Amino acid sequence: MSLTLEDLTIDPEGIDPVALLADWEWAMESLMLPVMITAMGDVFAQTDSGEVCFVDVVGGEVIPVCDSSEAFEEALDDEEFIDEFFYPERVQELRNAGLKLSGRNVYSHKLPLVVGGEDEAANFETTDAVVHVSIHGQIYRQVKDLPDGAEIGEIEIIPPEVP
């Protein structure tokens, strides 16, 4: 079964666009507003200048991907772009494992990779998109200056406000 873009994204209805990325401000050069949320919990966001960036929630970075919203719309027709940023094979694997998305939920690691979680189907659950994006942003903000492989002693998570 081939997945559609609708299968690979969630409906942002009811999600406050500013609140969604509030815990990622440390990684952004300027305010960005989300334009698309993937089923895997990553966010495409647009800058004031029109550039579209990929907020790699699991990888902990913000990556410029398109110069404009028009270029982003064109990229959505490119199979390589979809494979690179929407992870259709993983989405299909999780669906086959019985994890179905509904409402504002995205696929999320139960134990985030950055704190030692495994990138396997058994470590996934569905989680509210705002919670997923917020928690990862808070974790990455706290560990961003640690060297790779450093032991993480304590992480403080402030629950996001979810309407």
N, C-alpha and C. Protein backbone atom coordinates (compact mmCIF):
# COMPACT_ATOMS: atom_id res chain seq x y z
N MET A 1 0.84 -1.19 0.00
CA MET A 1 0.00 0.00 0.00
C MET A 1 0.88 1.25 0.00
N SER A 2 0.59 2.16 -0.87
CA SER A 2 1.35 3.38 -0.99
C SER A 2 0.73 4.45 -0.08
N LEU A 3 1.56 5.14 0.67
CA LEU A 3 1.06 6.18 1.57
C LEU A 3 0.97 7.51 0.84
N THR A 4 -0.04 8.28 1.20
CA THR A 4 -0.23 9.62 0.63
C THR A 4 0.37 10.65 1.59
N LEU A 5 0.48 11.88 1.12
CA LEU A 5 0.96 12.96 1.97
C LEU A 5 0.05 13.11 3.19
N GLU A 6 -1.23 12.88 3.00
CA GLU A 6 -2.17 12.95 4.12
C GLU A 6 -1.85 11.89 5.18
N ASP A 7 -1.38 10.72 4.75
CA ASP A 7 -0.98 9.66 5.69
C ASP A 7 0.29 10.03 6.44
N LEU A 8 1.12 10.87 5.85
CA LEU A 8 2.43 11.21 6.39
C LEU A 8 2.45 12.50 7.19
N THR A 9 1.28 13.13 7.33
CA THR A 9 1.17 14.38 8.08
C THR A 9 -0.03 14.31 9.00
N ILE A 10 -0.13 15.28 9.91
CA ILE A 10 -1.32 15.36 10.75
C ILE A 10 -2.00 16.70 10.51
N ASP A 11 -3.26 16.75 10.81
CA ASP A 11 -4.04 17.97 10.69
C ASP A 11 -3.70 18.87 11.88
N PRO A 12 -3.22 20.09 11.63
CA PRO A 12 -2.83 20.97 12.72
C PRO A 12 -4.00 21.67 13.42
N GLU A 13 -5.22 21.31 13.06
CA GLU A 13 -6.41 21.93 13.65
C GLU A 13 -6.31 21.94 15.17
N GLY A 14 -6.48 23.12 15.74
CA GLY A 14 -6.49 23.25 17.20
C GLY A 14 -5.12 23.39 17.83
N ILE A 15 -4.06 23.37 17.03
CA ILE A 15 -2.70 23.51 17.58
C ILE A 15 -2.27 24.97 17.45
N ASP A 16 -1.88 25.57 18.56
CA ASP A 16 -1.39 26.95 18.56
C ASP A 16 -0.03 26.96 17.87
N PRO A 17 0.09 27.64 16.73
CA PRO A 17 1.34 27.58 15.96
C PRO A 17 2.55 28.15 16.70
N VAL A 18 2.35 29.17 17.51
CA VAL A 18 3.47 29.75 18.25
C VAL A 18 3.87 28.82 19.40
N ALA A 19 2.88 28.28 20.10
CA ALA A 19 3.16 27.38 21.22
C ALA A 19 3.85 26.10 20.76
N LEU A 20 3.52 25.63 19.55
CA LEU A 20 4.10 24.38 19.06
C LEU A 20 5.62 24.43 19.06
N LEU A 21 6.18 25.55 18.65
CA LEU A 21 7.64 25.65 18.51
C LEU A 21 8.30 26.47 19.63
N ALA A 22 7.56 26.80 20.67
CA ALA A 22 8.10 27.64 21.74
C ALA A 22 9.36 27.06 22.38
N ASP A 23 9.44 25.77 22.53
CA ASP A 23 10.61 25.15 23.16
C ASP A 23 11.75 24.90 22.19
N TRP A 24 11.64 25.44 20.98
CA TRP A 24 12.70 25.34 19.98
C TRP A 24 13.29 26.70 19.64
N GLU A 25 12.86 27.75 20.32
CA GLU A 25 13.37 29.09 20.01
C GLU A 25 14.88 29.18 20.13
N TRP A 26 15.46 28.40 21.03
CA TRP A 26 16.92 28.38 21.21
C TRP A 26 17.65 27.96 19.93
N ALA A 27 16.99 27.20 19.06
CA ALA A 27 17.62 26.66 17.85
C ALA A 27 17.31 27.47 16.60
N MET A 28 16.50 28.52 16.76
CA MET A 28 16.05 29.30 15.61
C MET A 28 16.69 30.68 15.60
N GLU A 29 17.04 31.13 14.41
CA GLU A 29 17.61 32.47 14.29
C GLU A 29 16.55 33.54 14.44
N SER A 30 15.31 33.22 14.08
CA SER A 30 14.19 34.14 14.22
C SER A 30 12.91 33.32 14.40
N LEU A 31 11.84 34.00 14.70
CA LEU A 31 10.56 33.33 14.89
C LEU A 31 10.18 32.58 13.62
N MET A 32 9.72 31.35 13.78
CA MET A 32 9.24 30.56 12.65
C MET A 32 7.84 30.08 12.98
N LEU A 33 7.03 29.96 11.96
CA LEU A 33 5.68 29.44 12.14
C LEU A 33 5.54 28.14 11.38
N PRO A 34 4.92 27.14 12.01
CA PRO A 34 4.79 25.84 11.36
C PRO A 34 3.90 25.90 10.12
N VAL A 35 4.30 25.15 9.10
CA VAL A 35 3.48 25.03 7.90
C VAL A 35 3.00 23.60 7.70
N MET A 36 3.68 22.63 8.35
CA MET A 36 3.28 21.23 8.23
C MET A 36 3.89 20.43 9.37
N ILE A 37 3.11 19.48 9.89
CA ILE A 37 3.58 18.59 10.94
C ILE A 37 3.54 17.17 10.37
N THR A 38 4.67 16.48 10.47
CA THR A 38 4.72 15.13 9.92
C THR A 38 4.17 14.12 10.93
N ALA A 39 3.79 12.97 10.43
CA ALA A 39 3.30 11.90 11.30
C ALA A 39 4.38 11.45 12.28
N MET A 40 5.64 11.64 11.91
CA MET A 40 6.76 11.26 12.78
C MET A 40 7.08 12.35 13.80
N GLY A 41 6.30 13.43 13.79
CA GLY A 41 6.46 14.46 14.81
C GLY A 41 7.46 15.55 14.51
N ASP A 42 7.95 15.62 13.29
CA ASP A 42 8.83 16.71 12.89
C ASP A 42 7.96 17.83 12.32
N VAL A 43 8.55 19.02 12.18
CA VAL A 43 7.77 20.18 11.76
C VAL A 43 8.50 20.91 10.64
N PHE A 44 7.76 21.29 9.62
CA PHE A 44 8.28 22.23 8.63
C PHE A 44 7.78 23.60 9.07
N ALA A 45 8.70 24.55 9.15
CA ALA A 45 8.35 25.89 9.63
C ALA A 45 8.94 26.93 8.70
N GLN A 46 8.24 28.06 8.62
CA GLN A 46 8.65 29.11 7.69
C GLN A 46 9.14 30.33 8.47
N THR A 47 10.23 30.91 7.96
CA THR A 47 10.80 32.12 8.56
C THR A 47 10.09 33.35 8.01
N ASP A 48 10.38 34.50 8.59
CA ASP A 48 9.82 35.76 8.10
C ASP A 48 10.21 36.04 6.66
N SER A 49 11.38 35.55 6.24
CA SER A 49 11.86 35.79 4.88
C SER A 49 11.25 34.81 3.88
N GLY A 50 10.49 33.83 4.36
CA GLY A 50 9.84 32.88 3.47
C GLY A 50 10.54 31.54 3.35
N GLU A 51 11.75 31.44 3.87
CA GLU A 51 12.48 30.18 3.83
C GLU A 51 11.75 29.13 4.67
N VAL A 52 11.73 27.89 4.17
CA VAL A 52 11.10 26.79 4.91
C VAL A 52 12.21 25.91 5.48
N CYS A 53 12.10 25.65 6.79
CA CYS A 53 13.09 24.83 7.49
C CYS A 53 12.43 23.56 8.02
N PHE A 54 13.24 22.54 8.19
CA PHE A 54 12.82 21.28 8.78
C PHE A 54 13.27 21.27 10.22
N VAL A 55 12.32 21.27 11.14
CA VAL A 55 12.64 21.15 12.56
C VAL A 55 12.70 19.65 12.84
N ASP A 56 13.92 19.14 12.88
CA ASP A 56 14.17 17.72 13.11
C ASP A 56 14.06 17.49 14.62
N VAL A 57 12.87 17.19 15.06
CA VAL A 57 12.57 17.08 16.47
C VAL A 57 13.37 15.95 17.11
N VAL A 58 13.50 14.82 16.43
CA VAL A 58 14.22 13.68 16.99
C VAL A 58 15.73 13.90 16.90
N GLY A 59 16.19 14.59 15.87
CA GLY A 59 17.62 14.84 15.69
C GLY A 59 18.12 16.09 16.38
N GLY A 60 17.22 16.95 16.81
CA GLY A 60 17.60 18.13 17.57
C GLY A 60 18.20 19.27 16.79
N GLU A 61 17.75 19.47 15.55
CA GLU A 61 18.30 20.57 14.78
C GLU A 61 17.25 21.17 13.84
N VAL A 62 17.54 22.38 13.40
CA VAL A 62 16.68 23.08 12.45
C VAL A 62 17.48 23.25 11.17
N ILE A 63 16.94 22.70 10.07
CA ILE A 63 17.67 22.63 8.81
C ILE A 63 16.91 23.37 7.72
N PRO A 64 17.50 24.36 7.06
CA PRO A 64 16.84 25.00 5.92
C PRO A 64 16.68 23.98 4.79
N VAL A 65 15.46 23.91 4.20
CA VAL A 65 15.23 22.94 3.12
C VAL A 65 14.74 23.58 1.82
N CYS A 66 14.05 24.70 1.89
CA CYS A 66 13.54 25.35 0.68
C CYS A 66 13.60 26.87 0.85
N ASP A 67 13.87 27.56 -0.24
CA ASP A 67 13.99 29.02 -0.20
C ASP A 67 12.65 29.73 -0.06
N SER A 68 11.56 29.05 -0.42
CA SER A 68 10.25 29.70 -0.41
C SER A 68 9.15 28.67 -0.22
N SER A 69 7.95 29.16 0.04
CA SER A 69 6.81 28.24 0.17
C SER A 69 6.51 27.58 -1.18
N GLU A 70 6.76 28.30 -2.28
CA GLU A 70 6.54 27.72 -3.60
C GLU A 70 7.49 26.56 -3.84
N ALA A 71 8.76 26.74 -3.47
CA ALA A 71 9.75 25.67 -3.62
C ALA A 71 9.39 24.48 -2.73
N PHE A 72 8.85 24.77 -1.54
CA PHE A 72 8.42 23.70 -0.64
C PHE A 72 7.28 22.90 -1.26
N GLU A 73 6.30 23.61 -1.83
CA GLU A 73 5.18 22.93 -2.49
C GLU A 73 5.67 22.03 -3.62
N GLU A 74 6.65 22.50 -4.37
CA GLU A 74 7.22 21.68 -5.44
C GLU A 74 7.95 20.47 -4.87
N ALA A 75 8.67 20.67 -3.77
CA ALA A 75 9.41 19.57 -3.14
C ALA A 75 8.48 18.45 -2.67
N LEU A 76 7.26 18.80 -2.33
CA LEU A 76 6.30 17.80 -1.85
C LEU A 76 5.91 16.81 -2.95
N ASP A 77 6.25 17.13 -4.21
CA ASP A 77 6.01 16.21 -5.32
C ASP A 77 7.24 15.34 -5.62
N ASP A 78 8.33 15.56 -4.89
CA ASP A 78 9.59 14.85 -5.12
C ASP A 78 9.68 13.65 -4.17
N GLU A 79 9.72 12.45 -4.74
CA GLU A 79 9.74 11.22 -3.94
C GLU A 79 10.96 11.17 -3.00
N GLU A 80 12.12 11.63 -3.46
CA GLU A 80 13.31 11.63 -2.61
C GLU A 80 13.13 12.56 -1.41
N PHE A 81 12.52 13.72 -1.63
CA PHE A 81 12.25 14.66 -0.54
C PHE A 81 11.31 14.02 0.48
N ILE A 82 10.27 13.38 -0.01
CA ILE A 82 9.30 12.70 0.87
C ILE A 82 10.01 11.61 1.68
N ASP A 83 10.82 10.80 1.04
CA ASP A 83 11.54 9.73 1.73
C ASP A 83 12.48 10.29 2.80
N GLU A 84 13.16 11.38 2.48
CA GLU A 84 14.15 11.95 3.39
C GLU A 84 13.53 12.61 4.62
N PHE A 85 12.39 13.26 4.45
CA PHE A 85 11.84 14.05 5.55
C PHE A 85 10.55 13.52 6.17
N PHE A 86 9.87 12.58 5.51
CA PHE A 86 8.58 12.10 6.04
C PHE A 86 8.63 10.63 6.50
N TYR A 87 9.68 9.93 6.18
CA TYR A 87 9.91 8.54 6.63
C TYR A 87 8.72 7.62 6.37
N PRO A 88 8.29 7.51 5.10
CA PRO A 88 7.12 6.67 4.80
C PRO A 88 7.30 5.20 5.18
N GLU A 89 8.50 4.67 5.04
CA GLU A 89 8.71 3.26 5.41
C GLU A 89 8.48 3.05 6.90
N ARG A 90 8.97 3.97 7.73
CA ARG A 90 8.78 3.86 9.18
C ARG A 90 7.30 4.02 9.54
N VAL A 91 6.63 4.97 8.90
CA VAL A 91 5.20 5.17 9.17
C VAL A 91 4.44 3.88 8.84
N GLN A 92 4.76 3.28 7.70
CA GLN A 92 4.10 2.03 7.32
C GLN A 92 4.40 0.92 8.32
N GLU A 93 5.64 0.84 8.77
CA GLU A 93 6.03 -0.17 9.76
C GLU A 93 5.23 0.01 11.06
N LEU A 94 5.08 1.24 11.50
CA LEU A 94 4.35 1.49 12.74
C LEU A 94 2.85 1.22 12.57
N ARG A 95 2.32 1.54 11.41
CA ARG A 95 0.91 1.22 11.14
C ARG A 95 0.71 -0.30 11.14
N ASN A 96 1.63 -1.01 10.51
CA ASN A 96 1.54 -2.47 10.46
C ASN A 96 1.66 -3.08 11.86
N ALA A 97 2.37 -2.38 12.76
CA ALA A 97 2.52 -2.86 14.13
C ALA A 97 1.30 -2.51 15.00
N GLY A 98 0.31 -1.86 14.38
CA GLY A 98 -0.92 -1.55 15.10
C GLY A 98 -1.01 -0.16 15.68
N LEU A 99 0.01 0.67 15.45
CA LEU A 99 -0.04 2.05 15.96
C LEU A 99 -0.75 2.93 14.92
N LYS A 100 -1.90 3.42 15.27
CA LYS A 100 -2.69 4.28 14.38
C LYS A 100 -2.77 5.68 14.98
N LEU A 101 -2.63 6.67 14.14
CA LEU A 101 -2.73 8.06 14.59
C LEU A 101 -4.16 8.54 14.55
N SER A 102 -4.48 9.41 15.49
CA SER A 102 -5.78 10.08 15.47
C SER A 102 -5.60 11.47 16.06
N GLY A 103 -6.48 12.36 15.66
CA GLY A 103 -6.44 13.72 16.19
C GLY A 103 -5.09 14.39 15.99
N ARG A 104 -4.57 14.94 17.07
CA ARG A 104 -3.31 15.69 17.06
C ARG A 104 -2.10 14.82 17.37
N ASN A 105 -2.26 13.52 17.35
CA ASN A 105 -1.16 12.63 17.74
C ASN A 105 -0.16 12.40 16.62
N VAL A 106 1.09 12.20 17.04
CA VAL A 106 2.19 11.84 16.14
C VAL A 106 2.88 10.61 16.72
N TYR A 107 3.71 9.97 15.91
CA TYR A 107 4.53 8.88 16.41
C TYR A 107 5.69 9.48 17.21
N SER A 108 5.96 8.89 18.37
CA SER A 108 6.99 9.43 19.25
C SER A 108 7.70 8.29 19.96
N HIS A 109 9.01 8.42 20.12
CA HIS A 109 9.75 7.43 20.89
C HIS A 109 9.34 7.51 22.35
N LYS A 110 9.06 6.36 22.96
CA LYS A 110 8.74 6.32 24.39
C LYS A 110 9.92 6.86 25.19
N LEU A 111 11.11 6.37 24.87
CA LEU A 111 12.35 6.89 25.44
C LEU A 111 13.10 7.55 24.29
N PRO A 112 13.19 8.89 24.31
CA PRO A 112 13.83 9.60 23.19
C PRO A 112 15.24 9.09 22.91
N LEU A 113 15.60 9.11 21.64
CA LEU A 113 16.91 8.62 21.21
C LEU A 113 18.04 9.37 21.89
N VAL A 114 17.87 10.67 22.09
CA VAL A 114 18.92 11.50 22.65
C VAL A 114 19.28 11.09 24.08
N VAL A 115 18.39 10.40 24.76
CA VAL A 115 18.69 9.94 26.12
C VAL A 115 18.82 8.42 26.18
N GLY A 116 19.12 7.80 25.03
CA GLY A 116 19.43 6.38 25.03
C GLY A 116 18.36 5.45 24.51
N GLY A 117 17.25 5.98 24.03
CA GLY A 117 16.20 5.13 23.48
C GLY A 117 16.63 4.46 22.18
N GLU A 118 15.98 3.36 21.87
CA GLU A 118 16.28 2.62 20.64
C GLU A 118 15.31 3.04 19.53
N ASP A 119 15.83 3.10 18.30
CA ASP A 119 15.00 3.47 17.16
C ASP A 119 14.39 2.21 16.55
N GLU A 120 13.47 1.61 17.30
CA GLU A 120 12.79 0.40 16.85
C GLU A 120 11.30 0.53 17.17
N ALA A 121 10.49 -0.21 16.46
CA ALA A 121 9.03 -0.10 16.58
C ALA A 121 8.54 -0.26 18.02
N ALA A 122 9.18 -1.11 18.80
CA ALA A 122 8.75 -1.35 20.18
C ALA A 122 8.93 -0.12 21.07
N ASN A 123 9.74 0.85 20.64
CA ASN A 123 9.98 2.06 21.42
C ASN A 123 9.12 3.23 20.95
N PHE A 124 8.07 2.95 20.19
CA PHE A 124 7.19 4.02 19.70
C PHE A 124 5.83 3.95 20.36
N GLU A 125 5.23 5.12 20.49
CA GLU A 125 3.85 5.26 20.93
C GLU A 125 3.27 6.46 20.18
N THR A 126 1.98 6.69 20.32
CA THR A 126 1.40 7.91 19.76
C THR A 126 1.26 8.92 20.89
N THR A 127 1.60 10.15 20.59
CA THR A 127 1.64 11.22 21.58
C THR A 127 1.11 12.50 20.96
N ASP A 128 0.51 13.34 21.76
CA ASP A 128 0.07 14.65 21.30
C ASP A 128 1.25 15.40 20.67
N ALA A 129 1.04 16.00 19.52
CA ALA A 129 2.11 16.68 18.78
C ALA A 129 2.79 17.76 19.61
N VAL A 130 2.01 18.57 20.31
CA VAL A 130 2.60 19.65 21.11
C VAL A 130 3.49 19.08 22.21
N VAL A 131 3.04 18.03 22.87
CA VAL A 131 3.83 17.40 23.92
C VAL A 131 5.13 16.84 23.33
N HIS A 132 5.03 16.12 22.22
CA HIS A 132 6.20 15.53 21.56
C HIS A 132 7.23 16.60 21.20
N VAL A 133 6.79 17.64 20.51
CA VAL A 133 7.71 18.69 20.05
C VAL A 133 8.31 19.43 21.25
N SER A 134 7.49 19.73 22.23
CA SER A 134 7.95 20.46 23.41
C SER A 134 9.00 19.68 24.20
N ILE A 135 8.71 18.43 24.50
CA ILE A 135 9.64 17.63 25.30
C ILE A 135 10.99 17.49 24.61
N HIS A 136 10.97 17.20 23.31
CA HIS A 136 12.24 17.08 22.60
C HIS A 136 13.00 18.40 22.57
N GLY A 137 12.29 19.50 22.37
CA GLY A 137 12.95 20.81 22.38
C GLY A 137 13.59 21.11 23.73
N GLN A 138 12.90 20.78 24.81
CA GLN A 138 13.46 21.01 26.15
C GLN A 138 14.68 20.13 26.40
N ILE A 139 14.60 18.87 25.99
CA ILE A 139 15.74 17.97 26.20
C ILE A 139 16.95 18.47 25.40
N TYR A 140 16.77 18.76 24.14
CA TYR A 140 17.90 19.19 23.31
C TYR A 140 18.49 20.52 23.78
N ARG A 141 17.65 21.43 24.28
CA ARG A 141 18.17 22.69 24.80
C ARG A 141 19.12 22.42 25.97
N GLN A 142 18.78 21.43 26.79
CA GLN A 142 19.58 21.14 27.98
C GLN A 142 20.85 20.34 27.69
N VAL A 143 20.88 19.61 26.58
CA VAL A 143 22.06 18.77 26.30
C VAL A 143 22.89 19.26 25.12
N LYS A 144 22.47 20.34 24.49
CA LYS A 144 23.11 20.78 23.25
C LYS A 144 24.60 21.06 23.37
N ASP A 145 25.06 21.44 24.54
CA ASP A 145 26.48 21.77 24.70
C ASP A 145 27.31 20.62 25.26
N LEU A 146 26.68 19.47 25.50
CA LEU A 146 27.41 18.31 25.99
C LEU A 146 28.11 17.60 24.83
N PRO A 147 29.28 17.03 25.08
CA PRO A 147 29.94 16.27 24.01
C PRO A 147 29.18 14.98 23.73
N ASP A 148 29.30 14.46 22.51
CA ASP A 148 28.66 13.19 22.16
C ASP A 148 29.10 12.11 23.14
N GLY A 149 28.15 11.31 23.57
CA GLY A 149 28.44 10.21 24.48
C GLY A 149 28.51 10.60 25.94
N ALA A 150 28.35 11.89 26.25
CA ALA A 150 28.40 12.33 27.65
C ALA A 150 27.23 11.73 28.42
N GLU A 151 27.47 11.44 29.67
CA GLU A 151 26.42 10.91 30.52
C GLU A 151 25.50 12.07 30.91
N ILE A 152 24.21 11.82 30.76
CA ILE A 152 23.22 12.85 31.10
C ILE A 152 22.70 12.52 32.49
N GLY A 153 22.93 13.44 33.41
CA GLY A 153 22.54 13.19 34.79
C GLY A 153 21.09 13.47 35.07
N GLU A 154 20.61 14.61 34.63
CA GLU A 154 19.25 15.01 34.96
C GLU A 154 18.69 15.91 33.86
N ILE A 155 17.44 15.68 33.55
CA ILE A 155 16.74 16.52 32.56
C ILE A 155 15.48 17.04 33.26
N GLU A 156 15.25 18.34 33.12
CA GLU A 156 14.04 18.93 33.69
C GLU A 156 13.04 19.18 32.56
N ILE A 157 11.84 18.63 32.72
CA ILE A 157 10.80 18.81 31.71
C ILE A 157 9.65 19.60 32.34
N ILE A 158 9.27 20.66 31.67
CA ILE A 158 8.13 21.46 32.11
C ILE A 158 6.97 21.08 31.17
N PRO A 159 5.91 20.49 31.71
CA PRO A 159 4.80 20.07 30.83
C PRO A 159 4.25 21.25 30.02
N PRO A 160 4.09 21.07 28.71
CA PRO A 160 3.54 22.15 27.90
C PRO A 160 2.04 22.30 28.17
N GLU A 161 1.54 23.49 27.93
CA GLU A 161 0.11 23.71 28.05
C GLU A 161 -0.55 23.20 26.79
N VAL A 162 -1.44 22.24 26.95
CA VAL A 162 -2.13 21.66 25.81
C VAL A 162 -3.62 21.96 25.98
N PRO A 163 -4.18 22.75 25.02
CA PRO A 163 -5.61 23.09 25.15
C PRO A 163 -6.50 21.87 24.99
